[in-house]
Amino acid sequence: MASPATPTTYALLLNQIEDHLNRSDVDTEGVSALMVSMFEDEANDRVKHHERRIRSTASLTSQYLDLPDDWMYPLTVRLITSGHITPLDFVTPQNMQDYRADAGEAVGRPRFITTSDDALEVVPTPDDTYTIEMHYWGTIPALSASNTTNWLLDRHPLLYLYGSLLHAEAYFQNDARVLLWERFVEKKYAAMDKTYDESFGQTRTRIRAIG
């Protein structure tokens, strides 16, 4: 089998998947787009890379703050006021409910934080406007006709191609090809894990109990 050309855009990626599948009995264009999406879902769970460490700031004025669209989970969240930086402690949603039950409608400088649906929730409720700095693990930007590339495709184009082909061959129950692409994909994930862990180590945030 000839080595594939390196896909540099979403359109080229779809074309190469279609060429590899080489099937006239199905809508390979539609299948290819679906397989890219399935690979991206998997990559969001598997890929460890410094590009996923995202930092942003926002004004905090109430109990809740909408999460960024690409939020997966927090690394650190801090308050920034008059040159002072204060880390907020993450707690469980149940701890948050217990705190509010005890404190009632008390307001003040936020100390604890949790995620609630698509928002961050803080306690106490802010008594002023605060700048909050969120350092979090973000999703990989999905490819589309309007978003034709992203950092993962730029840096690891063959992972995108083989990862999508792995899902495609599983879809068509081509077990021999599944094993072929799986070997490459798992090797690539392992190499990325090693590189990331050597630089950053643990990414998950420790959640504590109030008390």
N, C-alpha and C. Protein backbone atom coordinates (compact mmCIF):
# COMPACT_ATOMS: atom_id res chain seq x y z
N MET A 1 0.84 -1.19 0.00
CA MET A 1 0.00 0.00 0.00
C MET A 1 0.88 1.24 0.00
N ALA A 2 0.63 2.18 -0.89
CA ALA A 2 1.42 3.39 -0.97
C ALA A 2 1.17 4.28 0.25
N SER A 3 2.22 5.01 0.61
CA SER A 3 2.06 5.92 1.74
C SER A 3 1.13 7.05 1.33
N PRO A 4 0.22 7.45 2.22
CA PRO A 4 -0.72 8.50 1.87
C PRO A 4 -0.06 9.86 1.87
N ALA A 5 -0.59 10.78 1.04
CA ALA A 5 -0.17 12.17 1.13
C ALA A 5 -0.67 12.73 2.45
N THR A 6 -0.03 13.78 2.90
CA THR A 6 -0.41 14.37 4.19
C THR A 6 -1.60 15.29 4.00
N PRO A 7 -2.73 15.01 4.65
CA PRO A 7 -3.89 15.90 4.53
C PRO A 7 -3.66 17.17 5.33
N THR A 8 -3.86 18.31 4.68
CA THR A 8 -3.61 19.59 5.34
C THR A 8 -4.89 20.39 5.57
N THR A 9 -5.99 19.96 5.00
CA THR A 9 -7.27 20.63 5.20
C THR A 9 -8.37 19.59 5.36
N TYR A 10 -9.51 20.05 5.82
CA TYR A 10 -10.66 19.17 6.00
C TYR A 10 -11.06 18.52 4.69
N ALA A 11 -11.09 19.30 3.60
CA ALA A 11 -11.49 18.75 2.30
C ALA A 11 -10.52 17.67 1.83
N LEU A 12 -9.21 17.91 1.99
CA LEU A 12 -8.23 16.90 1.59
C LEU A 12 -8.34 15.65 2.46
N LEU A 13 -8.62 15.85 3.73
CA LEU A 13 -8.80 14.71 4.64
C LEU A 13 -9.98 13.85 4.19
N LEU A 14 -11.11 14.47 3.89
CA LEU A 14 -12.27 13.73 3.41
C LEU A 14 -11.95 12.99 2.11
N ASN A 15 -11.26 13.65 1.20
CA ASN A 15 -10.90 13.02 -0.07
C ASN A 15 -10.04 11.79 0.13
N GLN A 16 -9.08 11.87 1.05
CA GLN A 16 -8.20 10.73 1.27
C GLN A 16 -8.94 9.57 1.94
N ILE A 17 -9.85 9.89 2.83
CA ILE A 17 -10.65 8.81 3.44
C ILE A 17 -11.48 8.12 2.36
N GLU A 18 -12.10 8.90 1.49
CA GLU A 18 -12.91 8.32 0.41
C GLU A 18 -12.05 7.46 -0.50
N ASP A 19 -10.84 7.94 -0.82
CA ASP A 19 -9.94 7.17 -1.68
C ASP A 19 -9.55 5.85 -1.03
N HIS A 20 -9.28 5.86 0.25
CA HIS A 20 -8.90 4.63 0.96
C HIS A 20 -10.08 3.65 1.00
N LEU A 21 -11.27 4.18 1.23
CA LEU A 21 -12.44 3.29 1.32
C LEU A 21 -12.76 2.68 -0.04
N ASN A 22 -12.66 3.50 -1.09
CA ASN A 22 -12.84 3.01 -2.46
C ASN A 22 -14.09 2.15 -2.61
N ARG A 23 -15.24 2.74 -2.22
CA ARG A 23 -16.51 2.01 -2.28
C ARG A 23 -17.50 2.80 -3.14
N SER A 24 -18.16 2.07 -4.01
CA SER A 24 -19.16 2.69 -4.88
C SER A 24 -20.59 2.41 -4.42
N ASP A 25 -20.73 1.60 -3.36
CA ASP A 25 -22.07 1.19 -2.93
C ASP A 25 -22.62 2.05 -1.81
N VAL A 26 -21.84 3.05 -1.35
CA VAL A 26 -22.31 3.91 -0.27
C VAL A 26 -21.92 5.35 -0.57
N ASP A 27 -22.53 6.26 0.18
CA ASP A 27 -22.17 7.68 0.09
C ASP A 27 -20.91 7.90 0.90
N THR A 28 -19.75 7.72 0.26
CA THR A 28 -18.49 7.80 1.00
C THR A 28 -18.21 9.21 1.51
N GLU A 29 -18.74 10.23 0.83
CA GLU A 29 -18.53 11.59 1.32
C GLU A 29 -19.22 11.78 2.67
N GLY A 30 -20.45 11.32 2.77
CA GLY A 30 -21.17 11.42 4.04
C GLY A 30 -20.55 10.56 5.12
N VAL A 31 -20.13 9.34 4.74
CA VAL A 31 -19.49 8.45 5.70
C VAL A 31 -18.17 9.04 6.19
N SER A 32 -17.41 9.63 5.29
CA SER A 32 -16.11 10.20 5.67
C SER A 32 -16.28 11.32 6.68
N ALA A 33 -17.25 12.19 6.45
CA ALA A 33 -17.49 13.29 7.39
C ALA A 33 -17.91 12.75 8.76
N LEU A 34 -18.73 11.72 8.75
CA LEU A 34 -19.17 11.12 10.01
C LEU A 34 -17.99 10.49 10.74
N MET A 35 -17.08 9.83 10.01
CA MET A 35 -15.94 9.17 10.65
C MET A 35 -14.95 10.19 11.22
N VAL A 36 -14.79 11.33 10.56
CA VAL A 36 -13.95 12.39 11.11
C VAL A 36 -14.55 12.88 12.43
N SER A 37 -15.85 13.06 12.45
CA SER A 37 -16.52 13.50 13.68
C SER A 37 -16.36 12.46 14.79
N MET A 38 -16.47 11.18 14.44
CA MET A 38 -16.31 10.14 15.45
C MET A 38 -14.87 10.10 15.98
N PHE A 39 -13.90 10.30 15.08
CA PHE A 39 -12.51 10.36 15.54
C PHE A 39 -12.31 11.54 16.48
N GLU A 40 -12.90 12.68 16.15
CA GLU A 40 -12.73 13.86 17.01
C GLU A 40 -13.32 13.63 18.40
N ASP A 41 -14.45 12.92 18.47
CA ASP A 41 -15.01 12.58 19.78
C ASP A 41 -14.03 11.72 20.58
N GLU A 42 -13.42 10.75 19.90
CA GLU A 42 -12.44 9.90 20.57
C GLU A 42 -11.20 10.70 20.97
N ALA A 43 -10.73 11.55 20.07
CA ALA A 43 -9.53 12.34 20.34
C ALA A 43 -9.71 13.26 21.53
N ASN A 44 -10.91 13.78 21.71
CA ASN A 44 -11.16 14.63 22.87
C ASN A 44 -10.97 13.87 24.18
N ASP A 45 -11.18 12.56 24.15
CA ASP A 45 -10.96 11.72 25.33
C ASP A 45 -9.52 11.23 25.44
N ARG A 46 -8.81 11.14 24.30
CA ARG A 46 -7.52 10.46 24.30
C ARG A 46 -6.31 11.37 24.14
N VAL A 47 -6.44 12.44 23.39
CA VAL A 47 -5.26 13.25 23.05
C VAL A 47 -4.86 14.15 24.22
N LYS A 48 -3.58 14.06 24.57
CA LYS A 48 -3.00 14.96 25.58
C LYS A 48 -1.98 15.85 24.87
N HIS A 49 -2.20 17.16 24.93
CA HIS A 49 -1.34 18.10 24.22
C HIS A 49 -1.45 19.46 24.89
N HIS A 50 -0.34 20.20 24.88
CA HIS A 50 -0.35 21.50 25.56
C HIS A 50 -1.33 22.48 24.93
N GLU A 51 -1.70 22.29 23.66
CA GLU A 51 -2.68 23.17 23.03
C GLU A 51 -4.05 23.09 23.70
N ARG A 52 -4.27 22.05 24.46
CA ARG A 52 -5.57 21.89 25.12
C ARG A 52 -5.62 22.59 26.47
N ARG A 53 -4.50 23.12 26.90
CA ARG A 53 -4.45 23.91 28.13
C ARG A 53 -4.78 25.36 27.77
N ILE A 54 -5.97 25.79 28.08
CA ILE A 54 -6.48 27.09 27.63
C ILE A 54 -6.67 28.02 28.83
N ARG A 55 -6.33 29.29 28.61
CA ARG A 55 -6.48 30.29 29.66
C ARG A 55 -7.35 31.42 29.14
N SER A 56 -8.34 31.81 29.93
CA SER A 56 -9.19 32.94 29.56
C SER A 56 -9.64 33.67 30.82
N THR A 57 -10.07 34.91 30.64
CA THR A 57 -10.55 35.70 31.77
C THR A 57 -11.96 36.19 31.49
N ALA A 58 -12.69 36.49 32.57
CA ALA A 58 -14.05 37.00 32.45
C ALA A 58 -14.38 37.79 33.70
N SER A 59 -15.44 38.60 33.61
CA SER A 59 -15.92 39.35 34.77
C SER A 59 -16.93 38.50 35.52
N LEU A 60 -16.73 38.36 36.81
CA LEU A 60 -17.62 37.58 37.66
C LEU A 60 -18.44 38.55 38.51
N THR A 61 -19.76 38.54 38.30
CA THR A 61 -20.63 39.48 39.01
C THR A 61 -21.76 38.79 39.77
N SER A 62 -21.94 37.50 39.56
CA SER A 62 -23.06 36.80 40.20
C SER A 62 -22.65 35.39 40.58
N GLN A 63 -23.61 34.64 41.07
CA GLN A 63 -23.36 33.28 41.53
C GLN A 63 -22.89 32.37 40.40
N TYR A 64 -23.35 32.63 39.17
CA TYR A 64 -23.03 31.76 38.04
C TYR A 64 -22.28 32.51 36.95
N LEU A 65 -21.43 31.77 36.25
CA LEU A 65 -20.70 32.29 35.09
C LEU A 65 -20.73 31.22 34.01
N ASP A 66 -21.19 31.59 32.81
CA ASP A 66 -21.25 30.62 31.71
C ASP A 66 -19.87 30.06 31.40
N LEU A 67 -19.81 28.74 31.20
CA LEU A 67 -18.56 28.10 30.82
C LEU A 67 -18.20 28.43 29.37
N PRO A 68 -16.91 28.51 29.04
CA PRO A 68 -16.51 28.64 27.63
C PRO A 68 -17.04 27.47 26.81
N ASP A 69 -17.29 27.71 25.53
CA ASP A 69 -17.85 26.66 24.67
C ASP A 69 -16.95 25.44 24.57
N ASP A 70 -15.64 25.62 24.67
CA ASP A 70 -14.71 24.50 24.50
C ASP A 70 -14.25 23.90 25.83
N TRP A 71 -14.94 24.22 26.90
CA TRP A 71 -14.58 23.72 28.24
C TRP A 71 -14.80 22.21 28.34
N MET A 72 -13.80 21.48 28.86
CA MET A 72 -13.98 20.08 29.21
C MET A 72 -13.92 19.89 30.72
N TYR A 73 -12.84 20.34 31.34
CA TYR A 73 -12.75 20.31 32.79
C TYR A 73 -11.71 21.32 33.26
N PRO A 74 -11.80 21.75 34.53
CA PRO A 74 -10.91 22.81 35.01
C PRO A 74 -9.53 22.30 35.38
N LEU A 75 -8.55 23.20 35.23
CA LEU A 75 -7.22 22.97 35.78
C LEU A 75 -7.05 23.84 37.02
N THR A 76 -7.16 25.15 36.84
CA THR A 76 -7.19 26.07 37.98
C THR A 76 -8.11 27.22 37.63
N VAL A 77 -8.74 27.80 38.66
CA VAL A 77 -9.54 29.01 38.50
C VAL A 77 -9.12 29.95 39.63
N ARG A 78 -8.85 31.24 39.26
CA ARG A 78 -8.33 32.18 40.24
C ARG A 78 -9.05 33.52 40.14
N LEU A 79 -9.14 34.21 41.26
CA LEU A 79 -9.64 35.58 41.29
C LEU A 79 -8.45 36.52 41.20
N ILE A 80 -8.61 37.59 40.41
CA ILE A 80 -7.56 38.60 40.28
C ILE A 80 -8.14 39.94 40.67
N THR A 81 -7.65 40.50 41.76
CA THR A 81 -8.14 41.79 42.24
C THR A 81 -6.98 42.62 42.74
N SER A 82 -6.85 43.83 42.18
CA SER A 82 -5.84 44.79 42.65
C SER A 82 -4.46 44.16 42.78
N GLY A 83 -4.10 43.35 41.80
CA GLY A 83 -2.78 42.73 41.81
C GLY A 83 -2.68 41.48 42.65
N HIS A 84 -3.75 41.12 43.36
CA HIS A 84 -3.74 39.91 44.18
C HIS A 84 -4.40 38.76 43.41
N ILE A 85 -3.77 37.61 43.44
CA ILE A 85 -4.29 36.42 42.77
C ILE A 85 -4.63 35.38 43.82
N THR A 86 -5.90 34.97 43.84
CA THR A 86 -6.36 34.01 44.84
C THR A 86 -6.95 32.78 44.17
N PRO A 87 -6.33 31.61 44.33
CA PRO A 87 -6.93 30.38 43.75
C PRO A 87 -8.26 30.06 44.44
N LEU A 88 -9.23 29.60 43.66
CA LEU A 88 -10.49 29.13 44.20
C LEU A 88 -10.43 27.62 44.34
N ASP A 89 -10.96 27.11 45.43
CA ASP A 89 -10.96 25.66 45.68
C ASP A 89 -12.18 25.03 45.02
N PHE A 90 -11.95 23.96 44.28
CA PHE A 90 -13.06 23.22 43.67
C PHE A 90 -13.67 22.27 44.69
N VAL A 91 -15.00 22.25 44.71
CA VAL A 91 -15.74 21.37 45.62
C VAL A 91 -16.80 20.63 44.82
N THR A 92 -17.39 19.64 45.42
CA THR A 92 -18.45 18.89 44.74
C THR A 92 -19.75 19.71 44.74
N PRO A 93 -20.64 19.45 43.79
CA PRO A 93 -21.94 20.14 43.80
C PRO A 93 -22.70 19.95 45.11
N GLN A 94 -22.59 18.77 45.74
CA GLN A 94 -23.27 18.55 47.01
C GLN A 94 -22.69 19.43 48.11
N ASN A 95 -21.35 19.57 48.13
CA ASN A 95 -20.73 20.48 49.09
C ASN A 95 -21.23 21.90 48.90
N MET A 96 -21.39 22.28 47.63
CA MET A 96 -21.87 23.63 47.33
C MET A 96 -23.28 23.84 47.87
N GLN A 97 -24.14 22.86 47.66
CA GLN A 97 -25.50 22.96 48.19
C GLN A 97 -25.50 23.06 49.71
N ASP A 98 -24.67 22.26 50.36
CA ASP A 98 -24.60 22.30 51.81
C ASP A 98 -24.12 23.66 52.31
N TYR A 99 -23.13 24.22 51.62
CA TYR A 99 -22.61 25.52 52.02
C TYR A 99 -23.70 26.58 51.91
N ARG A 100 -24.44 26.57 50.81
CA ARG A 100 -25.49 27.57 50.62
C ARG A 100 -26.61 27.39 51.65
N ALA A 101 -26.89 26.16 51.99
CA ALA A 101 -27.93 25.91 53.00
C ALA A 101 -27.51 26.49 54.35
N ASP A 102 -26.22 26.43 54.66
CA ASP A 102 -25.72 26.95 55.94
C ASP A 102 -25.55 28.47 55.92
N ALA A 103 -25.08 28.98 54.75
CA ALA A 103 -24.74 30.41 54.68
C ALA A 103 -25.90 31.29 54.25
N GLY A 104 -26.96 30.67 53.72
CA GLY A 104 -28.10 31.46 53.26
C GLY A 104 -27.73 32.34 52.09
N GLU A 105 -28.10 33.63 52.16
CA GLU A 105 -27.86 34.55 51.06
C GLU A 105 -26.61 35.39 51.27
N ALA A 106 -25.66 34.89 52.04
CA ALA A 106 -24.44 35.64 52.31
C ALA A 106 -23.68 35.96 51.03
N VAL A 107 -23.13 37.17 50.99
CA VAL A 107 -22.30 37.58 49.86
C VAL A 107 -20.90 37.88 50.37
N GLY A 108 -19.93 37.90 49.45
CA GLY A 108 -18.56 38.19 49.85
C GLY A 108 -17.60 37.86 48.73
N ARG A 109 -16.35 37.77 49.07
CA ARG A 109 -15.32 37.39 48.10
C ARG A 109 -15.41 35.88 47.87
N PRO A 110 -15.63 35.42 46.63
CA PRO A 110 -15.78 33.98 46.38
C PRO A 110 -14.56 33.19 46.86
N ARG A 111 -14.84 32.00 47.42
CA ARG A 111 -13.78 31.12 47.91
C ARG A 111 -13.81 29.74 47.27
N PHE A 112 -15.03 29.26 46.96
CA PHE A 112 -15.19 27.90 46.43
C PHE A 112 -15.92 27.95 45.09
N ILE A 113 -15.70 26.90 44.31
CA ILE A 113 -16.26 26.87 42.97
C ILE A 113 -16.60 25.44 42.58
N THR A 114 -17.62 25.29 41.77
CA THR A 114 -17.96 23.99 41.20
C THR A 114 -18.57 24.22 39.83
N THR A 115 -18.79 23.16 39.08
CA THR A 115 -19.49 23.27 37.79
C THR A 115 -20.92 22.81 37.98
N SER A 116 -21.84 23.57 37.37
CA SER A 116 -23.26 23.27 37.46
C SER A 116 -23.87 23.45 36.09
N ASP A 117 -24.27 22.33 35.45
CA ASP A 117 -24.75 22.36 34.06
C ASP A 117 -23.66 22.96 33.17
N ASP A 118 -23.96 24.09 32.51
CA ASP A 118 -22.99 24.72 31.63
C ASP A 118 -22.41 25.99 32.24
N ALA A 119 -22.31 26.01 33.57
CA ALA A 119 -21.84 27.22 34.24
C ALA A 119 -20.91 26.87 35.40
N LEU A 120 -20.08 27.83 35.76
CA LEU A 120 -19.36 27.77 37.02
C LEU A 120 -20.23 28.39 38.09
N GLU A 121 -20.23 27.80 39.26
CA GLU A 121 -20.95 28.36 40.40
C GLU A 121 -19.96 28.65 41.50
N VAL A 122 -20.07 29.83 42.12
CA VAL A 122 -19.15 30.22 43.17
C VAL A 122 -19.91 30.49 44.47
N VAL A 123 -19.20 30.34 45.57
CA VAL A 123 -19.71 30.75 46.88
C VAL A 123 -18.55 31.38 47.66
N PRO A 124 -18.84 32.41 48.46
CA PRO A 124 -20.11 33.13 48.52
C PRO A 124 -20.44 33.81 47.19
N THR A 125 -21.69 34.25 47.04
CA THR A 125 -22.07 35.05 45.89
C THR A 125 -21.25 36.34 45.90
N PRO A 126 -20.67 36.75 44.77
CA PRO A 126 -19.80 37.92 44.77
C PRO A 126 -20.48 39.19 45.30
N ASP A 127 -19.72 39.92 46.10
CA ASP A 127 -20.20 41.19 46.62
C ASP A 127 -19.73 42.37 45.77
N ASP A 128 -19.01 42.07 44.69
CA ASP A 128 -18.47 43.10 43.81
C ASP A 128 -18.19 42.44 42.46
N THR A 129 -17.66 43.20 41.53
CA THR A 129 -17.24 42.63 40.25
C THR A 129 -15.80 42.17 40.37
N TYR A 130 -15.57 40.90 40.07
CA TYR A 130 -14.24 40.32 40.14
C TYR A 130 -13.80 39.85 38.76
N THR A 131 -12.49 39.89 38.55
CA THR A 131 -11.92 39.26 37.36
C THR A 131 -11.57 37.82 37.71
N ILE A 132 -12.09 36.90 36.93
CA ILE A 132 -11.81 35.49 37.17
C ILE A 132 -10.97 34.96 36.01
N GLU A 133 -9.90 34.26 36.36
CA GLU A 133 -9.02 33.66 35.36
C GLU A 133 -9.26 32.16 35.37
N MET A 134 -9.65 31.63 34.22
CA MET A 134 -9.94 30.20 34.08
C MET A 134 -8.84 29.52 33.26
N HIS A 135 -8.22 28.54 33.85
CA HIS A 135 -7.23 27.72 33.15
C HIS A 135 -7.84 26.33 33.07
N TYR A 136 -8.15 25.88 31.85
CA TYR A 136 -8.94 24.68 31.72
C TYR A 136 -8.48 23.81 30.54
N TRP A 137 -8.95 22.58 30.55
CA TRP A 137 -8.69 21.60 29.49
C TRP A 137 -9.79 21.75 28.45
N GLY A 138 -9.39 22.12 27.23
CA GLY A 138 -10.37 22.43 26.21
C GLY A 138 -10.55 21.32 25.18
N THR A 139 -11.67 21.36 24.50
CA THR A 139 -11.92 20.42 23.42
C THR A 139 -11.09 20.80 22.19
N ILE A 140 -10.92 19.85 21.31
CA ILE A 140 -10.22 20.08 20.05
C ILE A 140 -11.20 20.72 19.07
N PRO A 141 -10.85 21.84 18.44
CA PRO A 141 -11.78 22.49 17.51
C PRO A 141 -12.16 21.52 16.38
N ALA A 142 -13.45 21.32 16.20
CA ALA A 142 -13.92 20.37 15.19
C ALA A 142 -13.71 20.92 13.79
N LEU A 143 -13.34 20.05 12.87
CA LEU A 143 -13.19 20.44 11.47
C LEU A 143 -14.55 20.52 10.80
N SER A 144 -14.65 21.40 9.82
CA SER A 144 -15.89 21.55 9.05
C SER A 144 -15.57 22.30 7.77
N ALA A 145 -16.59 22.51 6.96
CA ALA A 145 -16.39 23.27 5.72
C ALA A 145 -15.95 24.70 6.01
N SER A 146 -16.36 25.23 7.16
CA SER A 146 -15.99 26.60 7.51
C SER A 146 -14.77 26.67 8.43
N ASN A 147 -14.43 25.57 9.08
CA ASN A 147 -13.23 25.49 9.91
C ASN A 147 -12.34 24.40 9.33
N THR A 148 -11.53 24.77 8.38
CA THR A 148 -10.88 23.78 7.51
C THR A 148 -9.63 23.14 8.10
N THR A 149 -9.12 23.70 9.20
CA THR A 149 -7.96 23.08 9.83
C THR A 149 -7.97 23.42 11.31
N ASN A 150 -7.13 22.74 12.06
CA ASN A 150 -6.94 23.04 13.48
C ASN A 150 -5.54 22.59 13.87
N TRP A 151 -5.17 22.83 15.12
CA TRP A 151 -3.80 22.53 15.53
C TRP A 151 -3.48 21.04 15.46
N LEU A 152 -4.46 20.17 15.70
CA LEU A 152 -4.19 18.73 15.66
C LEU A 152 -3.94 18.27 14.24
N LEU A 153 -4.71 18.76 13.29
CA LEU A 153 -4.46 18.40 11.90
C LEU A 153 -3.13 18.97 11.43
N ASP A 154 -2.79 20.18 11.86
CA ASP A 154 -1.51 20.78 11.47
C ASP A 154 -0.33 19.96 11.98
N ARG A 155 -0.43 19.49 13.23
CA ARG A 155 0.71 18.82 13.86
C ARG A 155 0.71 17.31 13.64
N HIS A 156 -0.46 16.70 13.55
CA HIS A 156 -0.54 15.24 13.46
C HIS A 156 -1.57 14.83 12.39
N PRO A 157 -1.31 15.19 11.14
CA PRO A 157 -2.30 14.91 10.09
C PRO A 157 -2.57 13.43 9.88
N LEU A 158 -1.56 12.59 10.03
CA LEU A 158 -1.79 11.16 9.80
C LEU A 158 -2.58 10.53 10.94
N LEU A 159 -2.49 11.08 12.14
CA LEU A 159 -3.35 10.62 13.22
C LEU A 159 -4.81 10.89 12.87
N TYR A 160 -5.08 12.07 12.33
CA TYR A 160 -6.43 12.40 11.90
C TYR A 160 -6.91 11.43 10.83
N LEU A 161 -6.06 11.17 9.85
CA LEU A 161 -6.44 10.29 8.75
C LEU A 161 -6.64 8.85 9.23
N TYR A 162 -5.65 8.30 9.92
CA TYR A 162 -5.74 6.90 10.33
C TYR A 162 -6.80 6.71 11.42
N GLY A 163 -6.94 7.71 12.29
CA GLY A 163 -7.98 7.62 13.30
C GLY A 163 -9.37 7.60 12.69
N SER A 164 -9.57 8.40 11.65
CA SER A 164 -10.86 8.40 10.94
C SER A 164 -11.07 7.10 10.18
N LEU A 165 -9.99 6.61 9.56
CA LEU A 165 -10.09 5.34 8.84
C LEU A 165 -10.36 4.18 9.78
N LEU A 166 -9.82 4.23 10.99
CA LEU A 166 -10.09 3.19 11.97
C LEU A 166 -11.59 3.09 12.23
N HIS A 167 -12.25 4.22 12.41
CA HIS A 167 -13.69 4.22 12.64
C HIS A 167 -14.44 3.78 11.38
N ALA A 168 -13.93 4.17 10.22
CA ALA A 168 -14.60 3.80 8.97
C ALA A 168 -14.55 2.29 8.75
N GLU A 169 -13.38 1.68 8.96
CA GLU A 169 -13.25 0.25 8.73
C GLU A 169 -14.06 -0.54 9.76
N ALA A 170 -14.15 -0.03 10.99
CA ALA A 170 -15.01 -0.68 11.98
C ALA A 170 -16.47 -0.57 11.55
N TYR A 171 -16.84 0.54 10.98
CA TYR A 171 -18.20 0.76 10.49
C TYR A 171 -18.56 -0.26 9.40
N PHE A 172 -17.58 -0.54 8.53
CA PHE A 172 -17.80 -1.50 7.46
C PHE A 172 -17.39 -2.93 7.83
N GLN A 173 -17.02 -3.13 9.10
CA GLN A 173 -16.66 -4.44 9.64
C GLN A 173 -15.51 -5.08 8.88
N ASN A 174 -14.51 -4.26 8.55
CA ASN A 174 -13.31 -4.74 7.89
C ASN A 174 -12.24 -4.95 8.97
N ASP A 175 -12.28 -6.10 9.62
CA ASP A 175 -11.46 -6.33 10.79
C ASP A 175 -9.96 -6.23 10.53
N ALA A 176 -9.51 -6.69 9.37
CA ALA A 176 -8.07 -6.65 9.07
C ALA A 176 -7.57 -5.21 9.03
N ARG A 177 -8.34 -4.34 8.38
CA ARG A 177 -7.94 -2.94 8.31
C ARG A 177 -8.08 -2.24 9.66
N VAL A 178 -9.06 -2.66 10.45
CA VAL A 178 -9.20 -2.09 11.79
C VAL A 178 -7.91 -2.30 12.59
N LEU A 179 -7.37 -3.50 12.56
CA LEU A 179 -6.14 -3.80 13.28
C LEU A 179 -4.96 -2.99 12.75
N LEU A 180 -4.92 -2.78 11.43
CA LEU A 180 -3.84 -2.01 10.81
C LEU A 180 -3.83 -0.58 11.34
N TRP A 181 -4.99 0.08 11.24
CA TRP A 181 -5.05 1.49 11.67
C TRP A 181 -4.95 1.60 13.19
N GLU A 182 -5.47 0.62 13.91
CA GLU A 182 -5.45 0.68 15.36
C GLU A 182 -4.03 0.68 15.89
N ARG A 183 -3.15 -0.11 15.29
CA ARG A 183 -1.76 -0.16 15.73
C ARG A 183 -1.11 1.21 15.62
N PHE A 184 -1.31 1.87 14.49
CA PHE A 184 -0.71 3.19 14.31
C PHE A 184 -1.29 4.20 15.29
N VAL A 185 -2.62 4.21 15.41
CA VAL A 185 -3.28 5.20 16.25
C VAL A 185 -2.86 5.05 17.71
N GLU A 186 -2.84 3.82 18.21
CA GLU A 186 -2.47 3.61 19.61
C GLU A 186 -1.01 3.98 19.85
N LYS A 187 -0.16 3.70 18.88
CA LYS A 187 1.25 4.08 19.01
C LYS A 187 1.38 5.60 19.08
N LYS A 188 0.61 6.30 18.27
CA LYS A 188 0.65 7.75 18.25
C LYS A 188 0.12 8.33 19.56
N TYR A 189 -0.98 7.80 20.06
CA TYR A 189 -1.51 8.27 21.34
C TYR A 189 -0.47 8.09 22.44
N ALA A 190 0.19 6.93 22.46
CA ALA A 190 1.18 6.65 23.51
C ALA A 190 2.34 7.64 23.44
N ALA A 191 2.79 7.96 22.23
CA ALA A 191 3.89 8.91 22.07
C ALA A 191 3.48 10.30 22.54
N MET A 192 2.25 10.70 22.22
CA MET A 192 1.77 12.01 22.65
C MET A 192 1.61 12.06 24.16
N ASP A 193 1.10 10.97 24.75
CA ASP A 193 0.97 10.90 26.21
C ASP A 193 2.33 11.08 26.88
N LYS A 194 3.33 10.40 26.37
CA LYS A 194 4.67 10.45 26.96
C LYS A 194 5.23 11.87 26.89
N THR A 195 5.09 12.50 25.74
CA THR A 195 5.60 13.86 25.58
C THR A 195 4.89 14.83 26.52
N TYR A 196 3.59 14.69 26.62
CA TYR A 196 2.82 15.59 27.48
C TYR A 196 3.16 15.36 28.95
N ASP A 197 3.16 14.10 29.38
CA ASP A 197 3.40 13.78 30.79
C ASP A 197 4.79 14.23 31.24
N GLU A 198 5.76 14.15 30.35
CA GLU A 198 7.11 14.59 30.71
C GLU A 198 7.15 16.10 30.94
N SER A 199 6.24 16.83 30.28
CA SER A 199 6.23 18.29 30.41
C SER A 199 5.30 18.79 31.50
N PHE A 200 4.12 18.13 31.65
CA PHE A 200 3.09 18.68 32.51
C PHE A 200 2.62 17.74 33.62
N GLY A 201 2.76 16.45 33.45
CA GLY A 201 2.29 15.52 34.46
C GLY A 201 0.79 15.51 34.57
N GLN A 202 0.29 15.48 35.80
CA GLN A 202 -1.14 15.35 36.07
C GLN A 202 -1.90 16.59 35.59
N THR A 203 -3.07 16.37 34.91
CA THR A 203 -3.86 17.49 34.43
C THR A 203 -5.15 17.68 35.21
N ARG A 204 -5.61 16.67 35.91
CA ARG A 204 -6.89 16.77 36.61
C ARG A 204 -6.80 17.66 37.84
N THR A 205 -7.88 18.35 38.11
CA THR A 205 -7.97 19.22 39.27
C THR A 205 -8.42 18.44 40.49
N ARG A 206 -7.77 18.70 41.62
CA ARG A 206 -8.18 18.07 42.88
C ARG A 206 -9.42 18.75 43.42
N ILE A 207 -10.43 17.96 43.76
CA ILE A 207 -11.67 18.49 44.31
C ILE A 207 -11.68 18.19 45.81
N ARG A 208 -11.89 19.22 46.60
CA ARG A 208 -11.84 19.07 48.06
C ARG A 208 -13.22 19.23 48.65
N ALA A 209 -13.30 18.88 49.91
CA ALA A 209 -14.54 19.05 50.65
C ALA A 209 -14.46 20.30 51.49
N ILE A 210 -15.59 20.99 51.62
CA ILE A 210 -15.63 22.16 52.49
C ILE A 210 -15.69 21.68 53.94
N GLY A 211 -14.86 22.25 54.74
CA GLY A 211 -14.93 21.86 56.14
C GLY A 211 -13.65 22.17 56.87
